[in-house]
Protein backbone atom coordinates (compact mmCIF):
# COMPACT_ATOMS: atom_id res chain seq x y z
CA MET A 1 109.23 108.28 79.76
CA SER A 2 109.00 104.99 79.08
CA GLU A 3 109.28 102.06 81.23
CA ALA A 4 111.71 100.11 79.19
CA ASN A 5 114.09 103.12 80.40
CA ALA A 6 116.52 102.77 83.26
CA ALA A 7 115.77 105.03 86.05
CA PRO A 8 117.73 105.14 88.86
CA LEU A 9 116.09 107.08 92.37
CA ALA A 10 117.66 110.60 93.63
CA ALA A 11 121.02 110.20 94.54
CA GLY A 12 122.32 109.49 98.45
CA ALA A 13 118.80 107.72 99.13
CA ALA A 14 118.63 105.25 102.08
CA ALA A 15 117.89 102.75 98.62
CA SER A 16 118.48 103.33 95.53
CA VAL A 17 115.94 101.87 92.91
CA THR A 18 116.56 100.65 89.14
CA ILE A 19 113.54 100.22 86.94
CA THR A 20 113.26 97.26 84.79
CA LYS A 21 111.04 95.76 83.10
CA PRO A 22 108.78 94.08 84.47
CA ALA A 23 110.30 94.88 88.21
CA VAL A 24 111.98 97.32 90.61
CA ARG A 25 115.82 95.40 91.81
CA ILE A 26 116.50 97.23 95.42
CA ILE A 27 120.37 97.79 95.51
CA ARG A 28 121.67 99.16 98.68
CA THR A 29 124.08 101.92 98.84
CA ARG A 30 125.88 103.40 101.54
CA PRO A 31 125.04 106.67 102.44
CA GLY A 32 126.05 110.32 100.57
CA GLY A 33 125.31 112.40 98.15
CA ASP A 34 122.30 114.35 98.67
CA ARG A 35 121.44 114.24 102.20
CA GLN A 36 118.00 115.56 101.84
CA ASN A 37 115.44 113.02 103.84
CA PRO A 38 112.90 111.84 101.86
CA THR A 39 110.02 111.97 104.24
CA THR A 40 110.78 115.89 103.75
CA GLU A 41 111.23 116.36 100.34
CA TYR A 42 107.42 114.92 100.14
CA SER A 43 106.37 117.15 103.21
CA ALA A 44 107.68 120.10 101.12
CA LEU A 45 105.45 119.16 98.02
CA LEU A 46 102.35 118.01 100.07
CA HIS A 47 103.01 121.90 101.78
CA THR A 48 102.85 123.61 98.51
CA VAL A 49 99.89 121.59 97.38
CA ARG A 50 98.01 122.61 100.39
CA ASN A 51 98.98 126.34 99.75
CA LEU A 52 97.88 126.22 96.37
CA GLY A 53 94.36 125.08 97.82
CA LEU A 54 94.22 122.15 95.82
CA LEU A 55 93.07 119.84 98.28
CA ARG A 56 89.89 122.30 99.36
CA ARG A 57 86.67 120.00 98.72
CA ALA A 58 85.27 120.37 95.19
CA THR A 59 81.60 119.24 96.52
CA TRP A 60 79.76 121.49 93.63
CA PHE A 61 81.59 119.18 91.07
CA TYR A 62 80.64 116.08 91.72
CA TRP A 63 76.91 117.15 92.63
CA MET A 64 77.28 118.51 88.72
CA ILE A 65 78.90 115.13 87.80
CA PHE A 66 75.83 113.11 90.01
CA GLY A 67 73.09 115.33 88.65
CA ILE A 68 74.26 114.60 84.84
CA LEU A 69 74.49 110.74 85.60
CA LEU A 70 71.26 110.85 87.00
CA ALA A 71 69.77 112.22 83.74
CA ALA A 72 71.57 109.76 81.70
CA LEU A 73 70.21 106.98 84.11
CA GLY A 74 66.65 108.70 83.87
CA GLY A 75 67.27 108.84 80.48
CA ILE A 76 67.87 104.77 79.93
CA VAL A 77 65.08 104.13 81.79
CA THR A 78 62.89 106.23 79.68
CA GLY A 79 64.31 104.69 76.47
CA PHE A 80 63.86 101.14 78.30
CA VAL A 81 60.26 101.55 78.72
CA LEU A 82 60.25 103.35 75.19
CA LEU A 83 61.64 100.51 72.91
CA GLY A 84 59.91 97.56 74.68
CA ASP A 85 60.59 94.25 72.85
CA SER A 86 62.87 94.91 70.83
CA TRP A 87 66.52 94.07 70.46
CA PHE A 88 67.65 97.91 70.19
CA GLN A 89 67.57 97.39 74.03
CA LEU A 90 70.85 96.06 73.95
CA LEU A 91 71.83 99.90 73.12
CA MET A 92 70.28 100.75 76.16
CA ALA A 93 71.99 97.93 77.94
CA ALA A 94 75.51 99.17 77.15
CA ALA A 95 74.50 102.66 78.43
CA LEU A 96 73.26 101.42 81.53
CA GLY A 97 77.12 99.36 81.99
CA ILE A 98 78.58 102.73 81.00
CA VAL A 99 76.34 104.91 83.30
CA LEU A 100 77.28 102.36 86.25
CA THR A 101 80.50 102.76 85.91
CA GLN A 102 80.74 106.30 86.32
CA PHE A 103 78.41 106.38 89.76
CA ALA A 104 81.81 103.46 90.85
CA PHE A 105 84.47 106.43 89.99
CA LEU A 106 82.14 109.00 92.53
CA ALA A 107 81.81 106.00 94.70
CA HIS A 108 85.22 105.31 94.18
CA GLU A 109 86.17 109.57 95.07
CA ALA A 110 83.92 109.13 98.14
CA SER A 111 85.75 106.70 99.67
CA HIS A 112 88.93 108.70 99.15
CA ARG A 113 87.12 111.70 101.07
CA THR A 114 87.23 114.20 98.19
CA VAL A 115 83.26 114.86 98.02
CA PHE A 116 82.78 116.17 101.48
CA GLU A 117 84.72 117.88 104.38
CA SER A 118 82.88 115.18 106.59
CA GLY A 119 84.45 111.34 106.34
CA LYS A 120 80.93 110.17 108.04
CA ALA A 121 79.00 111.56 104.78
CA ASN A 122 81.50 110.02 102.57
CA ASP A 123 81.46 106.92 103.60
CA ARG A 124 77.40 107.30 102.94
CA ALA A 125 77.64 108.43 99.96
CA GLY A 126 80.25 105.78 99.00
CA ARG A 127 78.24 103.31 100.18
CA ILE A 128 75.14 104.39 98.80
CA LEU A 129 76.44 104.55 95.46
CA ALA A 130 78.56 101.48 95.49
CA ASN A 131 75.82 99.52 97.19
CA ALA A 132 72.83 101.02 95.94
CA PHE A 133 73.48 101.80 92.69
CA VAL A 134 76.52 99.73 91.25
CA GLY A 135 75.45 96.56 92.88
CA ILE A 136 79.14 96.17 94.76
CA SER A 137 79.86 96.16 98.52
CA TYR A 138 81.48 99.25 99.79
CA SER A 139 83.21 97.62 102.25
CA TRP A 140 85.16 94.92 100.62
CA TRP A 141 86.25 98.14 97.75
CA MET A 142 87.56 99.93 101.07
CA THR A 143 89.37 96.97 102.67
CA LYS A 144 91.11 95.81 99.05
CA HIS A 145 91.81 99.71 97.82
CA SER A 146 93.11 100.82 100.92
CA ARG A 147 95.74 98.06 100.89
CA HIS A 148 96.65 98.50 97.24
CA HIS A 149 97.23 102.53 97.53
CA SER A 150 99.69 101.76 100.47
CA ASN A 151 101.86 99.54 99.27
CA PRO A 152 100.97 99.87 95.17
CA ASN A 153 102.64 96.91 93.27
CA VAL A 154 104.36 95.40 96.26
CA VAL A 155 104.73 91.69 96.39
CA GLY A 156 102.78 90.10 98.92
CA LYS A 157 101.03 93.59 100.36
CA ASP A 158 98.68 94.96 96.96
CA PRO A 159 96.01 93.07 96.39
CA ASP A 160 95.54 93.96 92.94
CA ILE A 161 98.79 92.46 91.66
CA ASP A 162 97.87 88.40 93.90
CA ASN A 163 97.43 85.45 91.91
CA ASP A 164 94.16 85.02 89.98
CA PHE A 165 92.65 83.98 86.67
CA ILE A 166 95.47 86.98 85.74
CA VAL A 167 98.60 86.02 86.67
CA PHE A 168 101.09 89.33 87.10
CA GLN A 169 104.72 87.61 89.02
CA PRO A 170 106.76 85.72 86.28
CA GLU A 171 107.17 83.65 89.63
CA GLU A 172 103.90 83.20 90.11
CA ALA A 173 103.13 82.49 86.05
CA ALA A 174 105.95 79.39 86.30
CA LYS A 175 103.52 77.52 89.06
CA VAL A 176 100.23 77.49 87.11
CA ASN A 177 98.89 74.10 86.67
CA ARG A 178 98.86 73.20 82.92
CA VAL A 179 95.59 73.73 82.40
CA HIS A 180 95.58 77.18 83.65
CA ALA A 181 99.15 76.87 82.04
CA PHE A 182 97.80 77.03 78.39
CA VAL A 183 95.67 80.45 79.45
CA THR A 184 98.50 82.09 80.95
CA ARG A 185 100.93 81.97 78.12
CA ARG A 186 98.17 84.04 76.11
CA GLN A 187 96.79 86.03 79.02
CA GLY A 188 97.76 89.24 77.37
CA TRP A 189 96.10 88.95 74.10
CA LEU A 190 93.01 87.44 76.66
CA PHE A 191 93.31 90.27 79.05
CA PHE A 192 90.37 92.21 77.42
CA PRO A 193 88.10 89.54 76.24
CA MET A 194 88.47 88.40 79.67
CA LEU A 195 87.12 91.64 81.32
CA THR A 196 83.82 90.71 79.68
CA LEU A 197 83.47 88.59 82.72
CA GLU A 198 84.99 91.16 85.73
CA GLY A 199 81.32 92.95 85.68
CA LEU A 200 80.22 89.32 87.13
CA ASN A 201 83.54 88.74 89.04
CA LEU A 202 83.04 92.12 90.92
CA HIS A 203 79.11 91.61 92.02
CA MET A 204 80.44 87.74 93.35
CA HIS A 205 83.41 89.48 95.26
CA GLY A 206 81.15 91.55 96.69
CA LEU A 207 78.04 89.52 97.71
CA ARG A 208 80.53 86.64 99.41
CA THR A 209 82.21 89.46 101.52
CA VAL A 210 78.90 90.93 102.96
CA MET A 211 77.10 87.05 103.05
CA GLY A 212 80.96 85.57 104.51
CA LYS A 213 82.31 85.43 107.69
CA GLY A 214 85.22 88.39 108.00
CA LYS A 215 84.41 91.68 109.88
CA VAL A 216 81.93 93.89 107.59
CA ASP A 217 81.13 97.49 108.37
CA LYS A 218 77.55 98.02 108.33
CA ARG A 219 77.14 94.78 107.43
CA GLY A 220 73.17 94.28 107.30
CA LEU A 221 73.24 98.21 105.37
CA GLU A 222 75.17 96.29 102.96
CA ILE A 223 73.28 93.53 102.27
CA SER A 224 69.64 95.33 102.42
CA MET A 225 70.86 97.45 99.98
CA ILE A 226 72.65 95.32 97.37
CA VAL A 227 70.33 92.42 97.48
CA THR A 228 67.34 95.26 97.44
CA ARG A 229 69.16 96.29 93.54
CA LEU A 230 69.71 92.95 92.93
CA ALA A 231 66.32 92.14 93.31
CA ALA A 232 64.97 95.19 91.51
CA TYR A 233 67.18 94.81 88.86
CA LEU A 234 66.08 91.35 87.72
CA ALA A 235 62.80 91.57 88.42
CA VAL A 236 62.43 94.42 85.94
CA LEU A 237 64.15 92.91 83.11
CA PHE A 238 62.67 89.39 83.49
CA LEU A 239 59.21 91.10 83.94
CA PHE A 240 59.27 93.02 80.96
CA LEU A 241 61.35 91.38 78.47
CA PRO A 242 61.08 88.39 77.00
CA LEU A 243 63.31 85.88 78.74
CA GLY A 244 66.56 85.55 76.03
CA MET A 245 66.11 89.16 75.34
CA ALA A 246 66.55 89.68 79.10
CA PHE A 247 69.59 87.95 79.81
CA ALA A 248 71.10 89.60 76.53
CA PHE A 249 70.53 92.52 77.91
CA LEU A 250 71.91 91.40 81.36
CA GLY A 251 74.72 90.23 79.80
CA VAL A 252 75.98 93.67 77.85
CA GLN A 253 75.44 95.20 80.56
CA LEU A 254 77.88 93.74 82.75
CA ALA A 255 79.80 93.10 79.63
CA VAL A 256 80.60 96.92 79.15
CA PHE A 257 80.62 97.16 82.73
CA GLY A 258 83.40 94.67 83.33
CA VAL A 259 85.44 96.00 79.87
CA TYR A 260 85.12 99.77 80.88
CA MET A 261 86.33 99.20 84.85
CA GLY A 262 88.87 97.49 83.87
CA ALA A 263 90.03 99.57 80.79
CA SER A 264 90.34 102.32 83.45
CA PHE A 265 92.07 100.58 86.09
CA ALA A 266 94.30 98.45 84.26
CA PRO A 267 96.70 100.76 82.64
CA ASN A 268 97.36 102.97 86.08
CA HIS A 269 100.00 99.82 87.24
CA LYS A 270 100.18 97.04 84.72
CA GLY A 271 103.53 96.89 83.23
CA MET A 272 104.89 99.17 85.77
CA PRO A 273 107.94 98.37 88.65
CA ILE A 274 106.71 95.15 90.98
CA LEU A 275 108.80 96.26 94.74
CA PRO A 276 109.86 93.16 96.53
CA HIS A 277 107.86 92.49 99.55
CA ASP A 278 111.05 93.56 102.12
CA SER A 279 111.87 96.91 99.77
CA LYS A 280 112.82 99.96 101.52
CA VAL A 281 111.42 102.41 99.25
CA ASP A 282 109.69 106.12 100.87
CA PHE A 283 106.03 106.93 99.76
CA LEU A 284 106.78 109.90 97.06
CA ARG A 285 109.53 107.09 95.13
CA ARG A 286 106.47 104.53 95.66
CA GLN A 287 104.05 106.16 94.30
CA VAL A 288 105.40 107.72 91.44
CA LEU A 289 107.74 104.40 90.03
CA THR A 290 104.78 102.48 90.37
CA SER A 291 101.97 104.56 88.80
CA ARG A 292 101.40 105.59 85.24
CA ASN A 293 99.59 109.02 83.94
CA ILE A 294 97.23 108.67 80.81
CA ARG A 295 97.66 111.59 78.30
CA GLY A 296 94.04 113.97 77.55
CA GLY A 297 92.43 117.20 78.70
CA TRP A 298 88.88 117.22 80.39
CA GLY A 299 87.69 114.52 77.90
CA MET A 300 90.18 111.67 79.46
CA LEU A 301 89.35 112.78 82.69
CA THR A 302 85.98 112.10 82.32
CA PHE A 303 86.45 109.18 80.59
CA MET A 304 88.38 107.24 83.29
CA GLY A 305 86.73 109.28 86.31
CA GLY A 306 90.54 111.00 87.85
CA LEU A 307 92.47 107.91 87.00
CA ASN A 308 93.95 108.93 84.26
CA TYR A 309 96.17 111.22 86.99
CA GLN A 310 97.22 108.28 88.66
CA ILE A 311 100.42 109.46 90.12
CA GLU A 312 98.84 112.53 91.47
CA HIS A 313 95.99 110.63 92.71
CA HIS A 314 98.32 108.48 94.70
CA LEU A 315 100.39 111.14 96.43
CA PHE A 316 97.19 113.17 97.07
CA PRO A 317 94.52 110.40 97.49
CA ASN A 318 91.73 112.68 99.17
CA MET A 319 92.41 115.96 96.17
CA PRO A 320 89.52 115.80 94.54
CA ARG A 321 89.13 114.95 90.33
CA PRO A 322 88.79 119.09 89.31
CA HIS A 323 92.53 120.03 90.97
CA LEU A 324 94.62 116.84 89.77
CA ARG A 325 95.56 118.62 86.49
CA LYS A 326 96.93 121.90 88.22
CA ALA A 327 98.56 119.56 90.69
CA GLN A 328 100.60 116.85 87.53
CA GLU A 329 102.48 120.54 87.02
CA LEU A 330 103.92 120.40 90.24
CA VAL A 331 104.32 116.99 90.77
CA LYS A 332 106.44 116.68 87.19
CA GLU A 333 108.37 119.97 88.17
CA TYR A 334 109.03 118.49 90.97
CA CYS A 335 110.48 114.86 90.13
CA GLN A 336 112.56 116.05 87.28
CA ALA A 337 114.56 118.36 89.97
CA HIS A 338 115.22 115.07 92.05
CA SER A 339 115.34 113.07 88.95
CA ILE A 340 112.54 110.57 89.99
CA SER A 341 110.99 108.90 86.77
CA TYR A 342 108.00 110.21 85.85
CA THR A 343 105.85 108.08 83.38
CA GLU A 344 102.76 109.07 81.50
CA THR A 345 101.72 107.85 77.83
CA GLY A 346 99.01 107.49 75.77
CA LEU A 347 95.73 105.62 76.36
CA PHE A 348 96.14 102.74 73.66
CA GLN A 349 99.95 103.21 74.28
CA SER A 350 98.94 101.95 77.64
CA TYR A 351 97.03 99.31 76.37
CA GLY A 352 99.83 98.00 74.30
CA ILE A 353 101.94 98.01 77.22
CA VAL A 354 100.09 96.32 79.56
CA VAL A 355 99.13 93.23 76.43
CA GLU A 356 102.71 93.22 76.20
CA TYR A 357 103.94 93.03 79.79
CA LEU A 358 100.90 90.04 80.33
CA ASN A 359 102.66 88.32 77.81
CA ARG A 360 106.26 88.35 78.60
CA VAL A 361 104.93 87.39 82.27
CA GLY A 362 102.70 84.35 80.88
CA LEU A 363 106.00 83.16 79.18
CA SER A 364 106.53 82.04 82.39
CA ALA A 365 104.28 79.16 82.84
CA ARG A 366 105.27 76.08 81.28
CA ASP A 367 103.71 74.69 78.12
CA PRO A 368 100.76 72.26 78.87
CA PHE A 369 102.21 70.62 75.23
CA ASP A 370 105.84 70.27 76.43
CA CYS A 371 106.59 66.71 77.38
CA PRO A 372 108.31 66.82 80.75
CA MET A 373 111.47 64.25 79.54
CA THR A 374 111.75 66.95 76.91
CA GLN A 375 112.26 69.61 79.25
CA ARG A 376 114.66 67.83 81.49
CA PHE A 377 116.81 67.95 78.49
CA ARG A 378 116.40 71.47 76.90
CA THR A 379 118.58 73.81 76.65
CA HIS A 380 118.14 77.13 78.38
């Protein structure tokens, strides 16, 4: 169902929510109608999912994916050595960006305890994959991502919609300075080109976190992993490739990594309803109404690392990737029975929604070329 369609919550909930682009409007209503407790609603769904064994760990699956990725990484290293001083190295750089993103997907799933039964084993795997393979801080990711899962698209609580170079809320777009406004008004069209810098941005966030003053779990270990990985990677590039080619390799790898990461995470919530800071919406509806699924089979599941089942992932964060498709059947049927809007689109359709939404938000930014005196007399 498209976000453009109104989607009220099930009648009788403590607060009914009407979806409009781009926000959710909370309307207080008197209790009545269906008196089923929202907590009980989610518990019933969770009970069904658990009884079907969909929350059981699929460790075999993750070992298989890890083995495939190690083989792919070995192939890239072999290609790097054989190509030597050749601009075809940029193909190896692009391939490396793809493989590192797939390692990031595994780290993300380990952080959700989907890989091993033991929480410590999951943390250990996630930390190694994030820091030593991908080069971003596991602790930074865990803190940020946990806040997002608790309150997706909730103003002031979800860090993924906080102000950055991209602005996700019209009220915040209206506050940007005139220099930033020039970009903000066109941010939808610029979104994917700017993702070429997202890889660098993620690495910098990680370094600032582990080197900063805030609390970092296993700070020493994370610093040693990230610094060793970064130093070894740069040493190989600049010792074995000419200077210009080394910089080009690094640039292509980071650009592909950034675009792939952004293209996998952006379709999930951008352009979906935004909830006010003090909204009172039950867990099930908060997760479903603010998330978007992407259609596709096993190919899409592999391409997006399971993020194409974003609704099910948010409802059951510790569900292994291979079980999400079965869970979707249950969740869609459940949402239909309880009149809860369930959003699913094609991948490129979702990108169009994201671009259109960001451009619409950007229009709230003042035009840097407008004359202040003209603005005073303009009729709105």
